[in-house]
C-alpha atoms as a PDB file:
ATOM      1  CA  UNK A   1      -6.115 -14.129 -27.990  1.00  0.00           C
ATOM      2  CA  UNK A   2      -2.677 -12.240 -27.371  1.00  0.00           C
ATOM      3  CA  UNK A   3      -4.891  -9.098 -26.614  1.00  0.00           C
ATOM      4  CA  UNK A   4      -6.588 -11.136 -23.811  1.00  0.00           C
ATOM      5  CA  UNK A   5      -3.380 -12.631 -22.365  1.00  0.00           C
ATOM      6  CA  UNK A   6      -2.476  -8.786 -22.483  1.00  0.00           C
ATOM      7  CA  UNK A   7      -5.262  -7.586 -20.661  1.00  0.00           C
ATOM      8  CA  UNK A   8      -5.249 -10.442 -17.755  1.00  0.00           C
ATOM      9  CA  UNK A   9      -1.443  -9.458 -17.339  1.00  0.00           C
ATOM     10  CA  UNK A  10      -2.100  -5.631 -16.799  1.00  0.00           C
ATOM     11  CA  UNK A  11      -4.973  -6.434 -14.514  1.00  0.00           C
ATOM     12  CA  UNK A  12      -2.660  -8.779 -12.221  1.00  0.00           C
ATOM     13  CA  UNK A  13       0.031  -6.102 -12.647  1.00  0.00           C
ATOM     14  CA  UNK A  14      -2.560  -3.480 -11.361  1.00  0.00           C
ATOM     15  CA  UNK A  15      -3.736  -5.726  -8.651  1.00  0.00           C
ATOM     16  CA  UNK A  16      -0.030  -6.375  -7.356  1.00  0.00           C
ATOM     17  CA  UNK A  17       0.522  -2.211  -7.436  1.00  0.00           C
ATOM     18  CA  UNK A  18      -2.650  -1.882  -5.556  1.00  0.00           C
ATOM     19  CA  UNK A  19      -1.844  -4.195  -2.506  1.00  0.00           C
ATOM     20  CA  UNK A  20       1.893  -2.881  -2.445  1.00  0.00           C
ATOM     21  CA  UNK A  21       0.209   0.467  -2.318  1.00  0.00           C
ATOM     22  CA  UNK A  22      -2.212  -0.274   0.361  1.00  0.00           C
ATOM     23  CA  UNK A  23       0.642  -1.971   2.551  1.00  0.00           C
ATOM     24  CA  UNK A  24       3.047   1.038   2.024  1.00  0.00           C
ATOM     25  CA  UNK A  25       0.083   3.196   3.218  1.00  0.00           C
ATOM     26  CA  UNK A  26      -0.809   1.499   6.150  1.00  0.00           C
ATOM     27  CA  UNK A  27       3.140   0.964   7.175  1.00  0.00           C
ATOM     28  CA  UNK A  28       3.381   4.629   6.548  1.00  0.00           C
ATOM     29  CA  UNK A  29       0.149   5.361   9.174  1.00  0.00           C
ATOM     30  CA  UNK A  30       1.499   2.983  11.520  1.00  0.00           C
ATOM     31  CA  UNK A  31       4.800   4.629  11.766  1.00  0.00           C
ATOM     32  CA  UNK A  32       2.877   7.943  12.341  1.00  0.00           C
ATOM     33  CA  UNK A  33       0.823   6.552  15.058  1.00  0.00           C
ATOM     34  CA  UNK A  34       3.888   5.369  16.645  1.00  0.00           C
ATOM     35  CA  UNK A  35       5.804   8.622  16.597  1.00  0.00           C
ATOM     36  CA  UNK A  36       2.721  10.185  18.137  1.00  0.00           C
ATOM     37  CA  UNK A  37       2.205   7.601  20.931  1.00  0.00           C
ATOM     38  CA  UNK A  38       6.041   8.019  21.895  1.00  0.00           C
ATOM     39  CA  UNK A  39       6.328  11.827  22.654  1.00  0.00           C
ATOM     40  CA  UNK A  40       4.128  11.174  26.498  1.00  0.00           C
ATOM     41  CA  UNK A  41       2.632  13.691  28.482  1.00  0.00           C
ATOM     42  CA  UNK A  42       2.036  17.329  26.854  1.00  0.00           C
ATOM     43  CA  UNK A  43       2.776  18.370  23.620  1.00  0.00           C
END
């Protein structure tokens, strides 16, 4: 029974870590996109 609880806790922790990682990646891409749009004309 304890092994099942540990496995469930690890699964939940991995799901939370994955969601946090995806959020961080999307924020980084959004910031990169905003930075490229602020350059204006030319490069």
